[in-house]
Amino acid sequence: MVRRARRINRELAELYPYAHPELDFENPFQLLVATVLSAQTTDLRVNQTTPALFAKYPTPEDMAAANPEELEEVIRPTGFFRNKAKSLLGLSAALRDRFGGEVPGRLEDLVTLPGVGRKTANVVLGNAFGVPGITVDTHFGRLARRFGWTTEDDPVKVEAAVAEIFPKSEWTMLSHRVVFHGRRICHSQKPACGACPIAPLCPSFGEGETDPEKARKLLKYELGGQPGQRLRPPSDFPGEAAARADAAAHQGRVADLAVDA
């Protein structure tokens, strides 16, 4: 199982060499806030919301002093905005009062902040501080079970089980690769098994569509020819190229229609 798991990780690394956090951020505070907002919504929705949020409240001190109703209105598009606003106000005040306005770089400190659990803490540690961590969101937990890495449902137990399989240096990138795969191919309801490059290694092959042509139609984001989750992707991110290609194809179809008319 361990050999197969590590082989899957290597295959995912080849499939997603550009795997990265899909939330837009410029500093640890922005990543922390964006991750809290990402609960029960898409990263794209968060990325559409945070520019206005950070323009209005650029620091923990600013956000801690925010009018709750005004903050709620800014983050309303992300859903559950009242609870999220309460968490943002609480964590910002805690950063201001207990950590000098800086996001701490230790797990034991991060999880004391309102609205911050191990998943959010590991996202911040791995991507803002370079501290290895396994991020167990719904995608990661689902794939860890499908790959046979664990039978656990509890995120903390999933994290512990996977940590026993992979070296610590791989934890952060492993998290990105598995989440990328879960969003693009190994979906919750309709996994695209027939279009999955790691199907020969997967003990759950057959849970989804196995016909290659039908499976390809289930692919999402750049693998399906659509943009990725980021508004400001890295220059080498395939989602950006896919978006341009899709736009060019659309223009070509429009031109063809004009000629036919």
Protein backbone atom coordinates (compact mmCIF):
# COMPACT_ATOMS: atom_id res chain seq x y z
CA MET A 1 0.00 0.00 0.00
CA VAL A 2 2.81 2.40 0.87
CA ARG A 3 4.63 1.71 -2.40
CA ARG A 4 1.44 2.22 -4.38
CA ALA A 5 0.62 5.41 -2.44
CA ARG A 6 4.03 6.90 -3.17
CA ARG A 7 3.72 5.89 -6.82
CA ILE A 8 0.37 7.70 -6.97
CA ASN A 9 2.02 10.80 -5.51
CA ARG A 10 4.73 10.66 -8.19
CA GLU A 11 2.12 10.25 -10.92
CA LEU A 12 0.13 13.20 -9.55
CA ALA A 13 3.32 15.27 -9.50
CA GLU A 14 3.74 14.62 -13.22
CA LEU A 15 0.07 15.32 -13.93
CA TYR A 16 0.00 18.56 -11.88
CA PRO A 17 3.54 19.97 -11.83
CA TYR A 18 1.97 23.40 -11.29
CA ALA A 19 -0.16 22.40 -8.27
CA HIS A 20 -0.45 25.33 -5.87
CA PRO A 21 -2.94 27.01 -3.51
CA GLU A 22 -5.81 28.32 -5.61
CA LEU A 23 -6.65 31.17 -3.26
CA ASP A 24 -5.21 34.56 -4.20
CA PHE A 25 -3.13 36.08 -1.40
CA GLU A 26 -0.13 38.35 -0.88
CA ASN A 27 0.68 37.76 2.80
CA PRO A 28 -0.13 35.35 5.67
CA PHE A 29 -3.06 37.45 6.90
CA GLN A 30 -4.72 37.43 3.49
CA LEU A 31 -4.25 33.67 3.17
CA LEU A 32 -5.68 33.10 6.65
CA VAL A 33 -8.76 35.21 5.92
CA ALA A 34 -9.26 33.69 2.45
CA THR A 35 -9.05 30.17 3.85
CA VAL A 36 -11.66 30.93 6.51
CA LEU A 37 -13.92 32.35 3.78
CA SER A 38 -13.42 29.28 1.57
CA ALA A 39 -15.58 27.04 3.77
CA GLN A 40 -18.69 25.83 1.92
CA THR A 41 -17.89 27.80 -1.23
CA THR A 42 -15.46 27.78 -4.16
CA ASP A 43 -12.00 29.30 -4.23
CA LEU A 44 -13.09 31.27 -7.30
CA ARG A 45 -15.92 32.88 -5.33
CA VAL A 46 -13.47 33.78 -2.55
CA ASN A 47 -11.03 35.23 -5.08
CA GLN A 48 -13.83 37.38 -6.49
CA THR A 49 -14.62 38.69 -3.00
CA THR A 50 -11.25 39.30 -1.33
CA PRO A 51 -9.95 42.21 -3.45
CA ALA A 52 -12.67 44.52 -2.10
CA LEU A 53 -12.33 43.00 1.37
CA PHE A 54 -8.58 43.63 1.64
CA ALA A 55 -8.87 47.06 0.08
CA LYS A 56 -11.27 48.00 2.89
CA TYR A 57 -9.53 46.07 5.70
CA PRO A 58 -5.85 45.54 4.80
CA THR A 59 -4.59 44.65 8.31
CA PRO A 60 -5.82 42.71 11.34
CA GLU A 61 -6.20 46.00 13.17
CA ASP A 62 -8.45 47.36 10.42
CA MET A 63 -10.59 44.23 10.30
CA ALA A 64 -10.87 43.99 14.10
CA ALA A 65 -12.32 47.51 14.12
CA ALA A 66 -14.78 46.82 11.29
CA ASN A 67 -18.48 47.44 11.62
CA PRO A 68 -19.95 43.89 11.69
CA GLU A 69 -22.80 44.72 9.30
CA GLU A 70 -20.43 46.31 6.79
CA LEU A 71 -18.06 43.35 6.97
CA GLU A 72 -20.94 40.93 6.49
CA GLU A 73 -22.04 42.80 3.38
CA VAL A 74 -18.59 42.60 1.79
CA ILE A 75 -18.25 38.83 2.35
CA ARG A 76 -21.91 37.99 1.71
CA PRO A 77 -21.15 36.31 -1.68
CA THR A 78 -19.13 33.56 0.07
CA GLY A 79 -22.16 32.33 2.02
CA PHE A 80 -22.59 31.81 5.77
CA PHE A 81 -21.47 35.41 5.98
CA ARG A 82 -22.65 36.07 9.54
CA ASN A 83 -20.65 33.22 11.03
CA LYS A 84 -17.67 34.01 8.84
CA ALA A 85 -17.77 37.69 9.82
CA LYS A 86 -17.83 36.67 13.49
CA SER A 87 -14.75 34.48 12.93
CA LEU A 88 -12.90 37.21 11.01
CA LEU A 89 -13.61 39.80 13.70
CA GLY A 90 -12.51 37.39 16.41
CA LEU A 91 -9.32 36.20 14.75
CA SER A 92 -8.35 39.75 13.77
CA ALA A 93 -8.81 40.95 17.35
CA ALA A 94 -6.76 38.00 18.59
CA LEU A 95 -3.96 38.76 16.14
CA ARG A 96 -4.02 42.40 17.26
CA ASP A 97 -4.17 41.70 21.00
CA ARG A 98 -2.12 38.51 21.37
CA PHE A 99 0.26 38.36 18.44
CA GLY A 100 1.22 41.97 17.73
CA GLY A 101 -0.85 42.12 14.56
CA GLU A 102 1.12 39.25 12.97
CA VAL A 103 -0.09 35.81 11.94
CA PRO A 104 1.77 33.24 14.09
CA GLY A 105 3.79 30.55 12.37
CA ARG A 106 3.00 27.72 14.79
CA LEU A 107 0.12 25.24 14.61
CA GLU A 108 -0.55 25.42 18.34
CA ASP A 109 -1.00 29.21 18.10
CA LEU A 110 -3.06 29.26 14.90
CA VAL A 111 -5.68 26.82 16.19
CA THR A 112 -6.41 29.14 19.13
CA LEU A 113 -7.78 31.76 16.71
CA PRO A 114 -11.58 31.90 16.26
CA GLY A 115 -12.70 29.96 13.19
CA VAL A 116 -9.29 28.35 12.64
CA GLY A 117 -8.94 24.57 12.81
CA ARG A 118 -6.14 22.22 11.79
CA LYS A 119 -7.06 22.35 8.09
CA THR A 120 -6.88 26.13 7.91
CA ALA A 121 -3.75 26.18 10.08
CA ASN A 122 -1.98 23.69 7.80
CA VAL A 123 -2.91 25.71 4.71
CA VAL A 124 -1.36 28.82 6.24
CA LEU A 125 1.71 27.04 7.58
CA GLY A 126 2.46 25.21 4.36
CA ASN A 127 1.89 28.08 1.95
CA ALA A 128 2.78 31.21 3.92
CA PHE A 129 5.55 29.87 6.18
CA GLY A 130 6.94 26.83 4.37
CA VAL A 131 6.12 24.53 7.29
CA PRO A 132 5.05 21.08 5.98
CA GLY A 133 1.43 20.17 6.65
CA ILE A 134 -1.32 17.92 5.32
CA THR A 135 -4.52 19.77 4.47
CA VAL A 136 -7.49 17.45 4.86
CA ASP A 137 -10.44 19.08 3.13
CA THR A 138 -13.37 17.19 1.62
CA HIS A 139 -11.42 16.42 -1.57
CA PHE A 140 -8.35 15.13 0.25
CA GLY A 141 -10.37 12.96 2.63
CA ARG A 142 -12.40 11.46 -0.22
CA LEU A 143 -9.36 10.58 -2.32
CA ALA A 144 -7.36 9.26 0.63
CA ARG A 145 -10.15 6.74 1.19
CA ARG A 146 -10.53 5.92 -2.51
CA PHE A 147 -6.79 5.37 -2.81
CA GLY A 148 -6.88 3.03 0.17
CA TRP A 149 -4.63 5.18 2.34
CA THR A 150 -7.12 5.16 5.20
CA THR A 151 -10.67 4.14 6.07
CA GLU A 152 -11.11 7.02 8.53
CA ASP A 153 -13.64 9.82 8.10
CA ASP A 154 -12.39 12.11 10.84
CA PRO A 155 -9.98 14.68 9.28
CA VAL A 156 -7.52 14.50 12.19
CA LYS A 157 -7.31 10.70 11.87
CA VAL A 158 -6.98 10.97 8.08
CA GLU A 159 -4.12 13.43 8.55
CA ALA A 160 -2.36 11.12 11.00
CA ALA A 161 -2.75 8.07 8.75
CA VAL A 162 -1.43 9.83 5.63
CA ALA A 163 1.45 11.35 7.59
CA GLU A 164 2.66 7.81 8.30
CA ILE A 165 2.86 7.02 4.59
CA PHE A 166 4.70 10.02 3.16
CA PRO A 167 7.87 11.86 4.21
CA LYS A 168 7.24 15.21 5.86
CA SER A 169 8.90 17.09 3.00
CA GLU A 170 6.08 15.93 0.69
CA TRP A 171 3.11 16.88 2.86
CA THR A 172 2.30 20.34 1.50
CA MET A 173 2.70 19.50 -2.19
CA LEU A 174 0.92 16.16 -1.73
CA SER A 175 -2.05 18.11 -0.36
CA HIS A 176 -2.13 20.39 -3.41
CA ARG A 177 -1.84 17.50 -5.87
CA VAL A 178 -4.58 15.42 -4.27
CA VAL A 179 -6.94 18.42 -4.03
CA PHE A 180 -6.22 19.33 -7.66
CA HIS A 181 -7.05 15.76 -8.70
CA GLY A 182 -10.23 15.73 -6.64
CA ARG A 183 -11.45 18.97 -8.19
CA ARG A 184 -10.56 18.10 -11.77
CA ILE A 185 -10.98 14.34 -12.22
CA CYS A 186 -11.89 12.34 -9.10
CA HIS A 187 -15.15 14.14 -8.33
CA SER A 188 -17.45 13.31 -5.47
CA GLN A 189 -20.52 12.25 -7.45
CA LYS A 190 -19.17 11.46 -10.91
CA PRO A 191 -15.46 10.61 -10.90
CA ALA A 192 -14.03 10.50 -14.40
CA CYS A 193 -12.38 7.09 -14.03
CA GLY A 194 -12.07 6.51 -17.77
CA ALA A 195 -10.04 9.71 -18.21
CA CYS A 196 -7.87 9.29 -15.12
CA PRO A 197 -4.12 8.81 -15.75
CA ILE A 198 -3.66 7.02 -12.42
CA ALA A 199 -6.56 4.59 -12.93
CA PRO A 200 -4.23 1.55 -13.10
CA LEU A 201 -3.05 2.34 -9.57
CA CYS A 202 -6.46 3.10 -8.06
CA PRO A 203 -8.22 0.39 -6.02
CA SER A 204 -11.51 2.28 -6.49
CA PHE A 205 -11.45 2.31 -10.29
CA GLY A 206 -14.99 1.82 -11.57
CA GLU A 207 -16.78 3.94 -9.00
CA GLY A 208 -17.28 6.49 -11.75
CA GLU A 209 -17.65 6.63 -15.53
CA THR A 210 -15.18 4.22 -17.17
CA ASP A 211 -15.94 4.98 -20.81
CA PRO A 212 -13.09 7.28 -21.96
CA GLU A 213 -15.23 9.54 -24.14
CA LYS A 214 -17.96 9.98 -21.55
CA ALA A 215 -15.38 10.45 -18.79
CA ARG A 216 -13.58 13.21 -20.70
CA LYS A 217 -16.81 15.22 -20.72
CA LEU A 218 -16.74 15.20 -16.91
CA LEU A 219 -13.32 16.87 -16.64
CA LYS A 220 -13.24 20.29 -14.99
CA TYR A 221 -11.15 23.43 -15.15
CA GLU A 222 -8.08 23.41 -17.36
CA LEU A 223 -8.29 19.67 -18.07
CA GLY A 224 -11.71 20.26 -19.57
CA GLY A 225 -10.57 23.34 -21.49
CA GLN A 226 -11.89 25.85 -18.95
CA PRO A 227 -10.07 28.38 -16.73
CA GLY A 228 -8.89 27.41 -13.29
CA GLN A 229 -10.02 28.72 -9.91
CA ARG A 230 -7.77 31.76 -9.72
CA LEU A 231 -8.38 35.27 -10.96
CA ARG A 232 -4.64 35.94 -10.97
CA PRO A 233 -3.00 32.61 -11.84
CA PRO A 234 0.78 32.29 -12.17
CA SER A 235 1.99 33.06 -15.69
CA ASP A 236 2.74 29.38 -16.35
CA PHE A 237 -0.58 28.10 -15.00
CA PRO A 238 -2.34 26.02 -17.70
CA GLY A 239 -5.76 27.33 -16.72
CA GLU A 240 -4.80 30.71 -18.16
CA ALA A 241 -3.67 29.16 -21.45
CA ALA A 242 -6.83 27.06 -21.57
CA ALA A 243 -8.94 30.16 -21.07
CA ARG A 244 -7.20 31.89 -23.98
CA ALA A 245 -7.59 28.82 -26.18
CA ASP A 246 -11.27 28.56 -25.29
CA ALA A 247 -11.79 32.25 -26.08
CA ALA A 248 -9.96 31.86 -29.40
CA ALA A 249 -12.09 28.84 -30.29
CA HIS A 250 -15.21 30.80 -29.43
CA GLN A 251 -14.11 33.66 -31.68
CA GLY A 252 -13.43 31.16 -34.43
CA ARG A 253 -16.92 29.72 -34.12
CA VAL A 254 -18.40 33.22 -34.24
CA ALA A 255 -16.39 33.97 -37.40
CA ASP A 256 -17.57 30.72 -39.03
CA LEU A 257 -21.17 31.59 -38.25
CA ALA A 258 -20.70 35.03 -39.79
CA VAL A 259 -19.29 33.51 -42.99
CA ASP A 260 -22.18 31.00 -43.16
CA ALA A 261 -24.68 33.84 -42.71
